[in-house]
């Protein structure tokens, strides 16, 4: 009901102004004659056949499976303070970060900074 009333209130002044504007004639304005219509219809050109579509062969691509949105968290682990730190792999050849393979030099001085659950034999 409100929308209809609002639309009527807004449309009413527009209708009055357009109706009043059509009745006014400017003094000294020249009236143009009504345009003449051709009695003959224009002949349109005959339709043309479309050329055969070009077939483009698609080269097969070997798509790798997309990693999940949460798979990035596999590279992190919770340390002794409860914060997420990059996962460290503890191996006989030395500890290293799992995400890039860089060596982790603090295995003997800071053992609480990484979890020893991820051990490679």
PDB file of N, CA and C in Angstrom:
ATOM      1  N   UNK A   1       0.827  -1.188   0.000  1.00  0.00           N
ATOM      2  CA  UNK A   1       0.000   0.000   0.000  1.00  0.00           C
ATOM      3  C   UNK A   1       0.874   1.256   0.000  1.00  0.00           C
ATOM      4  N   UNK A   2       1.918   1.246   0.817  1.00  0.00           N
ATOM      5  CA  UNK A   2       2.787   2.411   0.901  1.00  0.00           C
ATOM      6  C   UNK A   2       3.525   2.657  -0.410  1.00  0.00           C
ATOM      7  N   UNK A   3       3.975   1.545  -1.011  1.00  0.00           N
ATOM      8  CA  UNK A   3       4.721   1.689  -2.267  1.00  0.00           C
ATOM      9  C   UNK A   3       3.819   2.232  -3.372  1.00  0.00           C
ATOM     10  N   UNK A   4       2.590   1.767  -3.428  1.00  0.00           N
ATOM     11  CA  UNK A   4       1.650   2.224  -4.445  1.00  0.00           C
ATOM     12  C   UNK A   4       1.339   3.704  -4.247  1.00  0.00           C
ATOM     13  N   UNK A   5       1.109   4.108  -3.019  1.00  0.00           N
ATOM     14  CA  UNK A   5       0.819   5.511  -2.725  1.00  0.00           C
ATOM     15  C   UNK A   5       2.024   6.382  -3.071  1.00  0.00           C
ATOM     16  N   UNK A   6       3.205   5.915  -2.745  1.00  0.00           N
ATOM     17  CA  UNK A   6       4.420   6.653  -3.071  1.00  0.00           C
ATOM     18  C   UNK A   6       4.574   6.798  -4.586  1.00  0.00           C
ATOM     19  N   UNK A   7       4.308   5.730  -5.323  1.00  0.00           N
ATOM     20  CA  UNK A   7       4.422   5.785  -6.782  1.00  0.00           C
ATOM     21  C   UNK A   7       3.412   6.769  -7.366  1.00  0.00           C
ATOM     22  N   UNK A   8       2.195   6.791  -6.846  1.00  0.00           N
ATOM     23  CA  UNK A   8       1.183   7.729  -7.350  1.00  0.00           C
ATOM     24  C   UNK A   8       1.569   9.173  -7.036  1.00  0.00           C
ATOM     25  N   UNK A   9       2.071   9.408  -5.848  1.00  0.00           N
ATOM     26  CA  UNK A   9       2.466  10.761  -5.473  1.00  0.00           C
ATOM     27  C   UNK A   9       3.616  11.240  -6.346  1.00  0.00           C
ATOM     28  N   UNK A  10       4.528  10.362  -6.678  1.00  0.00           N
ATOM     29  CA  UNK A  10       5.657  10.758  -7.510  1.00  0.00           C
ATOM     30  C   UNK A  10       5.268  10.890  -8.981  1.00  0.00           C
ATOM     31  N   UNK A  11       4.334  10.094  -9.464  1.00  0.00           N
ATOM     32  CA  UNK A  11       3.968  10.110 -10.880  1.00  0.00           C
ATOM     33  C   UNK A  11       3.000  11.243 -11.223  1.00  0.00           C
ATOM     34  N   UNK A  12       2.185  11.673 -10.291  1.00  0.00           N
ATOM     35  CA  UNK A  12       1.172  12.687 -10.563  1.00  0.00           C
ATOM     36  C   UNK A  12       1.773  14.006 -11.033  1.00  0.00           C
ATOM     37  N   UNK A  13       2.783  14.581 -10.360  1.00  0.00           N
ATOM     38  CA  UNK A  13       3.370  15.839 -10.866  1.00  0.00           C
ATOM     39  C   UNK A  13       4.009  15.677 -12.242  1.00  0.00           C
ATOM     40  N   UNK A  14       4.577  14.508 -12.517  1.00  0.00           N
ATOM     41  CA  UNK A  14       5.184  14.304 -13.839  1.00  0.00           C
ATOM     42  C   UNK A  14       4.117  14.299 -14.932  1.00  0.00           C
ATOM     43  N   UNK A  15       2.968  13.705 -14.646  1.00  0.00           N
ATOM     44  CA  UNK A  15       1.896  13.681 -15.639  1.00  0.00           C
ATOM     45  C   UNK A  15       1.352  15.080 -15.895  1.00  0.00           C
ATOM     46  N   UNK A  16       1.248  15.882 -14.847  1.00  0.00           N
ATOM     47  CA  UNK A  16       0.747  17.244 -15.017  1.00  0.00           C
ATOM     48  C   UNK A  16       1.714  18.093 -15.835  1.00  0.00           C
ATOM     49  N   UNK A  17       2.995  17.953 -15.578  1.00  0.00           N
ATOM     50  CA  UNK A  17       3.957  18.784 -16.304  1.00  0.00           C
ATOM     51  C   UNK A  17       4.069  18.373 -17.765  1.00  0.00           C
ATOM     52  N   UNK A  18       3.980  17.102 -18.069  1.00  0.00           N
ATOM     53  CA  UNK A  18       4.068  16.689 -19.472  1.00  0.00           C
ATOM     54  C   UNK A  18       2.809  17.080 -20.232  1.00  0.00           C
ATOM     55  N   UNK A  19       1.652  16.986 -19.599  1.00  0.00           N
ATOM     56  CA  UNK A  19       0.405  17.370 -20.271  1.00  0.00           C
ATOM     57  C   UNK A  19       0.379  18.873 -20.509  1.00  0.00           C
ATOM     58  N   UNK A  20       0.845  19.659 -19.569  1.00  0.00           N
ATOM     59  CA  UNK A  20       0.855  21.112 -19.719  1.00  0.00           C
ATOM     60  C   UNK A  20       1.875  21.525 -20.776  1.00  0.00           C
ATOM     61  N   UNK A  21       2.951  20.817 -20.883  1.00  0.00           N
ATOM     62  CA  UNK A  21       3.981  21.155 -21.854  1.00  0.00           C
ATOM     63  C   UNK A  21       3.561  20.874 -23.280  1.00  0.00           C
ATOM     64  N   UNK A  22       2.672  19.944 -23.487  1.00  0.00           N
ATOM     65  CA  UNK A  22       2.243  19.616 -24.841  1.00  0.00           C
ATOM     66  C   UNK A  22       1.253  20.644 -25.386  1.00  0.00           C
ATOM     67  N   UNK A  23       0.517  21.299 -24.513  1.00  0.00           N
ATOM     68  CA  UNK A  23      -0.491  22.251 -24.969  1.00  0.00           C
ATOM     69  C   UNK A  23       0.119  23.589 -25.359  1.00  0.00           C
ATOM     70  N   UNK A  24       1.256  23.916 -24.823  1.00  0.00           N
ATOM     71  CA  UNK A  24       1.860  25.203 -25.124  1.00  0.00           C
ATOM     72  C   UNK A  24       2.434  25.212 -26.534  1.00  0.00           C
ATOM     73  N   UNK A  25       2.202  26.334 -27.221  1.00  0.00           N
ATOM     74  CA  UNK A  25       2.803  26.531 -28.529  1.00  0.00           C
ATOM     75  C   UNK A  25       3.621  27.812 -28.460  1.00  0.00           C
ATOM     76  N   UNK A  26       4.786  27.741 -29.032  1.00  0.00           N
ATOM     77  CA  UNK A  26       5.666  28.893 -29.007  1.00  0.00           C
ATOM     78  C   UNK A  26       5.271  29.816 -30.150  1.00  0.00           C
ATOM     79  N   UNK A  27       5.123  31.114 -29.851  1.00  0.00           N
ATOM     80  CA  UNK A  27       4.762  32.098 -30.881  1.00  0.00           C
ATOM     81  C   UNK A  27       5.914  32.260 -31.858  1.00  0.00           C
ATOM     82  N   UNK A  28       5.592  32.312 -33.129  1.00  0.00           N
ATOM     83  CA  UNK A  28       6.592  32.513 -34.157  1.00  0.00           C
ATOM     84  C   UNK A  28       7.304  31.241 -34.578  1.00  0.00           C
ATOM     85  N   UNK A  29       6.899  30.081 -34.032  1.00  0.00           N
ATOM     86  CA  UNK A  29       7.541  28.836 -34.417  1.00  0.00           C
ATOM     87  C   UNK A  29       6.929  28.333 -35.714  1.00  0.00           C
ATOM     88  N   UNK A  30       7.747  27.802 -36.563  1.00  0.00           N
ATOM     89  CA  UNK A  30       7.278  27.297 -37.853  1.00  0.00           C
ATOM     90  C   UNK A  30       6.852  25.849 -37.714  1.00  0.00           C
ATOM     91  N   UNK A  31       5.655  25.553 -38.205  1.00  0.00           N
ATOM     92  CA  UNK A  31       5.178  24.170 -38.144  1.00  0.00           C
ATOM     93  C   UNK A  31       5.694  23.422 -39.360  1.00  0.00           C
ATOM     94  N   UNK A  32       6.226  22.260 -39.121  1.00  0.00           N
ATOM     95  CA  UNK A  32       6.768  21.450 -40.199  1.00  0.00           C
ATOM     96  C   UNK A  32       5.677  20.569 -40.775  1.00  0.00           C
ATOM     97  N   UNK A  33       5.736  20.285 -42.076  1.00  0.00           N
ATOM     98  CA  UNK A  33       4.727  19.398 -42.670  1.00  0.00           C
ATOM     99  C   UNK A  33       4.960  17.955 -42.229  1.00  0.00           C
ATOM    100  N   UNK A  34       3.913  17.173 -42.320  1.00  0.00           N
ATOM    101  CA  UNK A  34       3.999  15.755 -41.971  1.00  0.00           C
ATOM    102  C   UNK A  34       4.872  15.063 -43.005  1.00  0.00           C
ATOM    103  N   UNK A  35       5.833  14.225 -42.569  1.00  0.00           N
ATOM    104  CA  UNK A  35       6.705  13.557 -43.535  1.00  0.00           C
ATOM    105  C   UNK A  35       5.914  12.618 -44.442  1.00  0.00           C
ATOM    106  N   UNK A  36       6.331  12.578 -45.723  1.00  0.00           N
ATOM    107  CA  UNK A  36       5.665  11.711 -46.688  1.00  0.00           C
ATOM    108  C   UNK A  36       6.216  10.301 -46.568  1.00  0.00           C
ATOM    109  N   UNK A  37       5.326   9.345 -46.716  1.00  0.00           N
ATOM    110  CA  UNK A  37       5.743   7.942 -46.675  1.00  0.00           C
ATOM    111  C   UNK A  37       5.817   7.397 -48.099  1.00  0.00           C
ATOM    112  N   UNK A  38       6.814   6.570 -48.318  1.00  0.00           N
ATOM    113  CA  UNK A  38       6.941   5.934 -49.628  1.00  0.00           C
ATOM    114  C   UNK A  38       5.893   4.845 -49.745  1.00  0.00           C
ATOM    115  N   UNK A  39       5.234   4.797 -50.876  1.00  0.00           N
ATOM    116  CA  UNK A  39       4.240   3.746 -51.080  1.00  0.00           C
ATOM    117  C   UNK A  39       4.905   2.426 -51.427  1.00  0.00           C
ATOM    118  N   UNK A  40       6.093   2.481 -51.990  1.00  0.00           N
ATOM    119  CA  UNK A  40       6.813   1.254 -52.324  1.00  0.00           C
ATOM    120  C   UNK A  40       7.647   0.816 -51.106  1.00  0.00           C
ATOM    121  N   UNK A  41       7.670  -0.465 -50.884  1.00  0.00           N
ATOM    122  CA  UNK A  41       8.503  -0.981 -49.804  1.00  0.00           C
ATOM    123  C   UNK A  41       9.910  -1.216 -50.338  1.00  0.00           C
ATOM    124  N   UNK A  42      10.876  -1.010 -49.471  1.00  0.00           N
ATOM    125  CA  UNK A  42      12.261  -1.234 -49.876  1.00  0.00           C
ATOM    126  C   UNK A  42      12.502  -2.727 -50.033  1.00  0.00           C
ATOM    127  N   UNK A  43      13.258  -3.074 -51.065  1.00  0.00           N
ATOM    128  CA  UNK A  43      13.597  -4.470 -51.294  1.00  0.00           C
ATOM    129  C   UNK A  43      14.858  -4.795 -50.507  1.00  0.00           C
ATOM    130  N   UNK A  44      14.747  -5.764 -49.608  1.00  0.00           N
ATOM    131  CA  UNK A  44      15.896  -6.204 -48.836  1.00  0.00           C
ATOM    132  C   UNK A  44      16.687  -7.219 -49.636  1.00  0.00           C
ATOM    133  N   UNK A  45      17.998  -7.285 -49.455  1.00  0.00           N
ATOM    134  CA  UNK A  45      18.783  -8.287 -50.175  1.00  0.00           C
ATOM    135  C   UNK A  45      18.428  -9.694 -49.690  1.00  0.00           C
ATOM    136  N   UNK A  46      18.620 -10.654 -50.547  1.00  0.00           N
ATOM    137  CA  UNK A  46      18.319 -12.045 -50.203  1.00  0.00           C
ATOM    138  C   UNK A  46      19.281 -12.522 -49.110  1.00  0.00           C
ATOM    139  N   UNK A  47      18.812 -13.360 -48.199  1.00  0.00           N
ATOM    140  CA  UNK A  47      19.710 -13.862 -47.153  1.00  0.00           C
ATOM    141  C   UNK A  47      20.803 -14.745 -47.740  1.00  0.00           C
ATOM    142  N   UNK A  48      21.974 -14.646 -47.132  1.00  0.00           N
ATOM    143  CA  UNK A  48      23.108 -15.430 -47.596  1.00  0.00           C
ATOM    144  C   UNK A  48      23.377 -16.551 -46.605  1.00  0.00           C
ATOM    145  N   UNK A  49      23.880 -17.655 -47.132  1.00  0.00           N
ATOM    146  CA  UNK A  49      24.209 -18.796 -46.274  1.00  0.00           C
ATOM    147  C   UNK A  49      25.484 -18.489 -45.490  1.00  0.00           C
ATOM    148  N   UNK A  50      25.496 -18.917 -44.259  1.00  0.00           N
ATOM    149  CA  UNK A  50      26.686 -18.725 -43.431  1.00  0.00           C
ATOM    150  C   UNK A  50      27.769 -19.717 -43.832  1.00  0.00           C
ATOM    151  N   UNK A  51      29.033 -19.316 -43.715  1.00  0.00           N
ATOM    152  CA  UNK A  51      30.094 -20.265 -44.034  1.00  0.00           C
ATOM    153  C   UNK A  51      30.163 -21.358 -42.957  1.00  0.00           C
ATOM    154  N   UNK A  52      30.771 -22.473 -43.314  1.00  0.00           N
ATOM    155  CA  UNK A  52      30.905 -23.579 -42.367  1.00  0.00           C
ATOM    156  C   UNK A  52      31.752 -23.146 -41.183  1.00  0.00           C
ATOM    157  N   UNK A  53      31.353 -23.532 -39.975  1.00  0.00           N
ATOM    158  CA  UNK A  53      32.164 -23.135 -38.821  1.00  0.00           C
ATOM    159  C   UNK A  53      33.520 -23.845 -38.822  1.00  0.00           C
ATOM    160  N   UNK A  54      34.508 -23.135 -38.350  1.00  0.00           N
ATOM    161  CA  UNK A  54      35.852 -23.690 -38.274  1.00  0.00           C
ATOM    162  C   UNK A  54      35.956 -24.515 -36.999  1.00  0.00           C
ATOM    163  N   UNK A  55      36.384 -25.746 -37.138  1.00  0.00           N
ATOM    164  CA  UNK A  55      36.535 -26.619 -35.984  1.00  0.00           C
ATOM    165  C   UNK A  55      37.950 -26.497 -35.451  1.00  0.00           C
ATOM    166  N   UNK A  56      38.050 -26.141 -34.182  1.00  0.00           N
ATOM    167  CA  UNK A  56      39.352 -26.016 -33.541  1.00  0.00           C
ATOM    168  C   UNK A  56      39.526 -27.208 -32.622  1.00  0.00           C
ATOM    169  N   UNK A  57      40.581 -27.959 -32.860  1.00  0.00           N
ATOM    170  CA  UNK A  57      40.849 -29.112 -32.022  1.00  0.00           C
ATOM    171  C   UNK A  57      41.529 -28.660 -30.745  1.00  0.00           C
ATOM    172  N   UNK A  58      41.072 -29.138 -29.654  1.00  0.00           N
ATOM    173  CA  UNK A  58      41.637 -28.782 -28.354  1.00  0.00           C
ATOM    174  C   UNK A  58      42.736 -29.769 -28.007  1.00  0.00           C
ATOM    175  N   UNK A  59      43.880 -29.221 -27.664  1.00  0.00           N
ATOM    176  CA  UNK A  59      44.992 -30.063 -27.245  1.00  0.00           C
ATOM    177  C   UNK A  59      44.733 -30.504 -25.818  1.00  0.00           C
ATOM    178  N   UNK A  60      44.775 -31.803 -25.549  1.00  0.00           N
ATOM    179  CA  UNK A  60      44.476 -32.238 -24.182  1.00  0.00           C
ATOM    180  C   UNK A  60      45.547 -31.751 -23.208  1.00  0.00           C
ATOM    181  N   UNK A  61      45.081 -31.297 -22.073  1.00  0.00           N
ATOM    182  CA  UNK A  61      45.986 -30.846 -21.038  1.00  0.00           C
ATOM    183  C   UNK A  61      45.924 -31.833 -19.890  1.00  0.00           C
ATOM    184  N   UNK A  62      47.046 -32.045 -19.292  1.00  0.00           N
ATOM    185  CA  UNK A  62      47.092 -32.945 -18.162  1.00  0.00           C
ATOM    186  C   UNK A  62      46.975 -32.106 -16.898  1.00  0.00           C
ATOM    187  N   UNK A  63      45.770 -32.048 -16.384  1.00  0.00           N
ATOM    188  CA  UNK A  63      45.526 -31.247 -15.196  1.00  0.00           C
ATOM    189  C   UNK A  63      45.852 -32.053 -13.955  1.00  0.00           C
ATOM    190  N   UNK A  64      46.549 -31.413 -13.067  1.00  0.00           N
ATOM    191  CA  UNK A  64      46.872 -32.047 -11.801  1.00  0.00           C
ATOM    192  C   UNK A  64      45.730 -31.786 -10.826  1.00  0.00           C
ATOM    193  N   UNK A  65      45.529 -32.661  -9.887  1.00  0.00           N
ATOM    194  CA  UNK A  65      44.425 -32.426  -8.942  1.00  0.00           C
ATOM    195  C   UNK A  65      44.694 -31.169  -8.117  1.00  0.00           C
ATOM    196  N   UNK A  66      43.642 -30.410  -7.905  1.00  0.00           N
ATOM    197  CA  UNK A  66      43.779 -29.188  -7.128  1.00  0.00           C
ATOM    198  C   UNK A  66      43.926 -29.517  -5.654  1.00  0.00           C
ATOM    199  N   UNK A  67      44.840 -28.859  -4.976  1.00  0.00           N
ATOM    200  CA  UNK A  67      44.941 -29.093  -3.534  1.00  0.00           C
ATOM    201  C   UNK A  67      43.753 -28.472  -2.823  1.00  0.00           C
ATOM    202  N   UNK A  68      43.411 -29.034  -1.692  1.00  0.00           N
ATOM    203  CA  UNK A  68      42.293 -28.514  -0.925  1.00  0.00           C
ATOM    204  C   UNK A  68      42.625 -27.164  -0.309  1.00  0.00           C
ATOM    205  N   UNK A  69      41.579 -26.455   0.134  1.00  0.00           N
ATOM    206  CA  UNK A  69      41.790 -25.147   0.734  1.00  0.00           C
ATOM    207  C   UNK A  69      42.525 -25.240   2.057  1.00  0.00           C
ATOM    208  N   UNK A  70      42.357 -26.349   2.744  1.00  0.00           N
ATOM    209  CA  UNK A  70      42.966 -26.493   4.060  1.00  0.00           C
ATOM    210  C   UNK A  70      44.261 -27.290   4.031  1.00  0.00           C
ATOM    211  N   UNK A  71      44.724 -27.669   2.851  1.00  0.00           N
ATOM    212  CA  UNK A  71      45.936 -28.487   2.783  1.00  0.00           C
ATOM    213  C   UNK A  71      47.190 -27.718   3.178  1.00  0.00           C
ATOM    214  N   UNK A  72      47.131 -26.394   3.152  1.00  0.00           N
ATOM    215  CA  UNK A  72      48.288 -25.609   3.555  1.00  0.00           C
ATOM    216  C   UNK A  72      48.597 -25.809   5.038  1.00  0.00           C
ATOM    217  N   UNK A  73      47.586 -26.175   5.821  1.00  0.00           N
ATOM    218  CA  UNK A  73      47.810 -26.360   7.260  1.00  0.00           C
ATOM    219  C   UNK A  73      48.573 -27.634   7.564  1.00  0.00           C
ATOM    220  N   UNK A  74      48.778 -28.505   6.585  1.00  0.00           N
ATOM    221  CA  UNK A  74      49.605 -29.700   6.802  1.00  0.00           C
ATOM    222  C   UNK A  74      51.068 -29.333   7.017  1.00  0.00           C
ATOM    223  N   UNK A  75      51.453 -28.164   6.572  1.00  0.00           N
ATOM    224  CA  UNK A  75      52.840 -27.722   6.696  1.00  0.00           C
ATOM    225  C   UNK A  75      53.109 -27.006   8.016  1.00  0.00           C
ATOM    226  N   UNK A  76      52.086 -26.891   8.862  1.00  0.00           N
ATOM    227  CA  UNK A  76      52.245 -26.228  10.160  1.00  0.00           C
ATOM    228  C   UNK A  76      51.883 -27.193  11.272  1.00  0.00           C
ATOM    229  N   UNK A  77      52.412 -26.905  12.459  1.00  0.00           N
ATOM    230  CA  UNK A  77      52.077 -27.691  13.638  1.00  0.00           C
ATOM    231  C   UNK A  77      52.054 -26.766  14.842  1.00  0.00           C
ATOM    232  N   UNK A  78      51.435 -27.241  15.904  1.00  0.00           N
ATOM    233  CA  UNK A  78      51.331 -26.448  17.118  1.00  0.00           C
ATOM    234  C   UNK A  78      52.576 -26.707  17.962  1.00  0.00           C
ATOM    235  N   UNK A  79      53.227 -25.627  18.383  1.00  0.00           N
ATOM    236  CA  UNK A  79      54.428 -25.807  19.202  1.00  0.00           C
ATOM    237  C   UNK A  79      54.055 -25.824  20.688  1.00  0.00           C
ATOM    238  N   UNK A  80      55.040 -25.738  21.570  1.00  0.00           N
ATOM    239  CA  UNK A  80      54.812 -25.861  23.008  1.00  0.00           C
ATOM    240  C   UNK A  80      54.029 -24.680  23.579  1.00  0.00           C
ATOM    241  N   UNK A  81      54.029 -23.536  22.903  1.00  0.00           N
ATOM    242  CA  UNK A  81      53.282 -22.378  23.399  1.00  0.00           C
ATOM    243  C   UNK A  81      51.866 -22.320  22.848  1.00  0.00           C
ATOM    244  N   UNK A  82      51.507 -23.240  21.952  1.00  0.00           N
ATOM    245  CA  UNK A  82      50.159 -23.278  21.396  1.00  0.00           C
ATOM    246  C   UNK A  82      49.974 -22.463  20.138  1.00  0.00           C
ATOM    247  N   UNK A  83      51.046 -21.988  19.546  1.00  0.00           N
ATOM    248  CA  UNK A  83      50.951 -21.233  18.303  1.00  0.00           C
ATOM    249  C   UNK A  83      51.369 -22.113  17.126  1.00  0.00           C
ATOM    250  N   UNK A  84      50.921 -21.752  15.945  1.00  0.00           N
ATOM    251  CA  UNK A  84      51.278 -22.507  14.747  1.00  0.00           C
ATOM    252  C   UNK A  84      52.658 -22.080  14.262  1.00  0.00           C
ATOM    253  N   UNK A  85      53.511 -23.062  14.052  1.00  0.00           N
ATOM    254  CA  UNK A  85      54.860 -22.846  13.546  1.00  0.00           C
ATOM    255  C   UNK A  85      55.068 -23.757  12.336  1.00  0.00           C
ATOM    256  N   UNK A  86      56.009 -23.429  11.450  1.00  0.00           N
ATOM    257  CA  UNK A  86      56.279 -24.338  10.327  1.00  0.00           C
ATOM    258  C   UNK A  86      56.717 -25.711  10.843  1.00  0.00           C
ATOM    259  N   UNK A  87      56.206 -26.752  10.203  1.00  0.00           N
ATOM    260  CA  UNK A  87      56.504 -28.113  10.650  1.00  0.00           C
ATOM    261  C   UNK A  87      57.966 -28.462  10.383  1.00  0.00           C
ATOM    262  N   UNK A  88      58.590 -29.078  11.377  1.00  0.00           N
ATOM    263  CA  UNK A  88      59.980 -29.502  11.274  1.00  0.00           C
ATOM    264  C   UNK A  88      60.009 -31.020  11.248  1.00  0.00           C
ATOM    265  N   UNK A  89      60.713 -31.577  10.263  1.00  0.00           N
ATOM    266  CA  UNK A  89      60.856 -33.027  10.145  1.00  0.00           C
ATOM    267  C   UNK A  89      62.167 -33.411  10.824  1.00  0.00           C
ATOM    268  N   UNK A  90      62.083 -34.357  11.755  1.00  0.00           N
ATOM    269  CA  UNK A  90      63.257 -34.797  12.514  1.00  0.00           C
ATOM    270  C   UNK A  90      63.739 -36.101  11.898  1.00  0.00           C
ATOM    271  N   UNK A  91      64.873 -36.071  11.228  1.00  0.00           N
ATOM    272  CA  UNK A  91      65.388 -37.257  10.546  1.00  0.00           C
ATOM    273  C   UNK A  91      66.812 -37.544  11.009  1.00  0.00           C
ATOM    274  N   UNK A  92      67.316 -38.751  10.716  1.00  0.00           N
ATOM    275  CA  UNK A  92      68.693 -39.065  11.111  1.00  0.00           C
ATOM    276  C   UNK A  92      69.740 -38.193  10.414  1.00  0.00           C
ATOM    277  N   UNK A  93      69.370 -37.608   9.291  1.00  0.00           N
ATOM    278  CA  UNK A  93      70.309 -36.778   8.534  1.00  0.00           C
ATOM    279  C   UNK A  93      70.236 -35.312   8.945  1.00  0.00           C
ATOM    280  N   UNK A  94      69.419 -34.997   9.899  1.00  0.00           N
ATOM    281  CA  UNK A  94      69.273 -33.622  10.373  1.00  0.00           C
ATOM    282  C   UNK A  94      67.839 -33.157  10.227  1.00  0.00           C
ATOM    283  N   UNK A  95      67.446 -32.250  11.073  1.00  0.00           N
ATOM    284  CA  UNK A  95      66.084 -31.716  11.024  1.00  0.00           C
ATOM    285  C   UNK A  95      65.980 -30.672   9.916  1.00  0.00           C
ATOM    286  N   UNK A  96      64.788 -30.596   9.293  1.00  0.00           N
ATOM    287  CA  UNK A  96      64.569 -29.623   8.222  1.00  0.00           C
ATOM    288  C   UNK A  96      63.103 -29.223   8.205  1.00  0.00           C
ATOM    289  N   UNK A  97      62.849 -28.043   7.634  1.00  0.00           N
ATOM    290  CA  UNK A  97      61.476 -27.577   7.472  1.00  0.00           C
ATOM    291  C   UNK A  97      60.809 -28.369   6.356  1.00  0.00           C
ATOM    292  N   UNK A  98      59.549 -28.750   6.573  1.00  0.00           N
ATOM    293  CA  UNK A  98      58.867 -29.580   5.582  1.00  0.00           C
ATOM    294  C   UNK A  98      58.476 -28.777   4.347  1.00  0.00           C
ATOM    295  N   UNK A  99      58.133 -27.515   4.497  1.00  0.00           N
ATOM    296  CA  UNK A  99      57.607 -26.765   3.350  1.00  0.00           C
ATOM    297  C   UNK A  99      58.660 -26.393   2.322  1.00  0.00           C
ATOM    298  N   UNK A 100      59.936 -26.241   2.721  1.00  0.00           N
ATOM    299  CA  UNK A 100      60.941 -25.882   1.721  1.00  0.00           C
ATOM    300  C   UNK A 100      62.230 -26.694   1.816  1.00  0.00           C
ATOM    301  N   UNK A 101      62.366 -27.536   2.827  1.00  0.00           N
ATOM    302  CA  UNK A 101      63.545 -28.375   2.944  1.00  0.00           C
ATOM    303  C   UNK A 101      64.758 -27.675   3.524  1.00  0.00           C
ATOM    304  N   UNK A 102      64.615 -26.467   4.013  1.00  0.00           N
ATOM    305  CA  UNK A 102      65.743 -25.753   4.617  1.00  0.00           C
ATOM    306  C   UNK A 102      66.102 -26.413   5.945  1.00  0.00           C
ATOM    307  N   UNK A 103      67.369 -26.481   6.291  1.00  0.00           N
ATOM    308  CA  UNK A 103      67.756 -27.141   7.541  1.00  0.00           C
ATOM    309  C   UNK A 103      67.249 -26.372   8.760  1.00  0.00           C
ATOM    310  N   UNK A 104      66.914 -27.126   9.798  1.00  0.00           N
ATOM    311  CA  UNK A 104      66.501 -26.543  11.071  1.00  0.00           C
ATOM    312  C   UNK A 104      67.668 -26.708  12.035  1.00  0.00           C
ATOM    313  N   UNK A 105      68.421 -25.640  12.336  1.00  0.00           N
ATOM    314  CA  UNK A 105      69.671 -25.789  13.088  1.00  0.00           C
ATOM    315  C   UNK A 105      69.516 -25.854  14.603  1.00  0.00           C
ATOM    316  N   UNK A 106      68.313 -25.656  15.150  1.00  0.00           N
ATOM    317  CA  UNK A 106      68.174 -25.539  16.602  1.00  0.00           C
ATOM    318  C   UNK A 106      67.580 -26.788  17.247  1.00  0.00           C
ATOM    319  N   UNK A 107      67.896 -27.965  16.767  1.00  0.00           N
ATOM    320  CA  UNK A 107      67.326 -29.181  17.350  1.00  0.00           C
ATOM    321  C   UNK A 107      67.868 -29.442  18.755  1.00  0.00           C
ATOM    322  N   UNK A 108      69.114 -29.127  19.021  1.00  0.00           N
ATOM    323  CA  UNK A 108      69.681 -29.410  20.335  1.00  0.00           C
ATOM    324  C   UNK A 108      69.471 -28.258  21.319  1.00  0.00           C
ATOM    325  N   UNK A 109      69.425 -27.022  20.840  1.00  0.00           N
ATOM    326  CA  UNK A 109      69.299 -25.892  21.758  1.00  0.00           C
ATOM    327  C   UNK A 109      67.852 -25.492  22.020  1.00  0.00           C
ATOM    328  N   UNK A 110      66.931 -25.718  21.055  1.00  0.00           N
ATOM    329  CA  UNK A 110      65.526 -25.335  21.223  1.00  0.00           C
ATOM    330  C   UNK A 110      64.612 -26.506  20.873  1.00  0.00           C
ATOM    331  N   UNK A 111      64.627 -27.561  21.640  1.00  0.00           N
ATOM    332  CA  UNK A 111      63.803 -28.717  21.283  1.00  0.00           C
ATOM    333  C   UNK A 111      62.313 -28.480  21.501  1.00  0.00           C
ATOM    334  N   UNK A 112      61.944 -27.489  22.285  1.00  0.00           N
ATOM    335  CA  UNK A 112      60.521 -27.221  22.508  1.00  0.00           C
ATOM    336  C   UNK A 112      59.851 -26.486  21.382  1.00  0.00           C
ATOM    337  N   UNK A 113      60.622 -25.983  20.421  1.00  0.00           N
ATOM    338  CA  UNK A 113      60.041 -25.221  19.317  1.00  0.00           C
ATOM    339  C   UNK A 113      59.452 -26.106  18.228  1.00  0.00           C
ATOM    340  N   UNK A 114      59.685 -27.384  18.269  1.00  0.00           N
ATOM    341  CA  UNK A 114      59.100 -28.267  17.263  1.00  0.00           C
ATOM    342  C   UNK A 114      58.643 -29.549  17.934  1.00  0.00           C
ATOM    343  N   UNK A 115      57.734 -30.229  17.281  1.00  0.00           N
ATOM    344  CA  UNK A 115      57.194 -31.473  17.811  1.00  0.00           C
ATOM    345  C   UNK A 115      58.002 -32.634  17.251  1.00  0.00           C
ATOM    346  N   UNK A 116      58.320 -33.575  18.082  1.00  0.00           N
ATOM    347  CA  UNK A 116      59.111 -34.715  17.614  1.00  0.00           C
ATOM    348  C   UNK A 116      58.224 -35.873  17.159  1.00  0.00           C
ATOM    349  N   UNK A 117      56.949 -35.590  16.917  1.00  0.00           N
ATOM    350  CA  UNK A 117      56.036 -36.653  16.460  1.00  0.00           C
ATOM    351  C   UNK A 117      56.264 -36.996  15.002  1.00  0.00           C
ATOM    352  N   UNK A 118      56.762 -36.083  14.219  1.00  0.00           N
ATOM    353  CA  UNK A 118      56.959 -36.297  12.776  1.00  0.00           C
ATOM    354  C   UNK A 118      58.405 -36.687  12.560  1.00  0.00           C
ATOM    355  N   UNK A 119      58.682 -37.976  12.671  1.00  0.00           N
ATOM    356  CA  UNK A 119      60.057 -38.484  12.587  1.00  0.00           C
ATOM    357  C   UNK A 119      60.173 -39.375  11.351  1.00  0.00           C
ATOM    358  N   UNK A 120      61.230 -39.187  10.576  1.00  0.00           N
ATOM    359  CA  UNK A 120      61.484 -39.991   9.399  1.00  0.00           C
ATOM    360  C   UNK A 120      62.627 -40.935   9.723  1.00  0.00           C
ATOM    361  N   UNK A 121      62.439 -42.225   9.433  1.00  0.00           N
ATOM    362  CA  UNK A 121      63.506 -43.200   9.682  1.00  0.00           C
ATOM    363  C   UNK A 121      64.448 -43.310   8.514  1.00  0.00           C
TER     364      UNK A 121
END
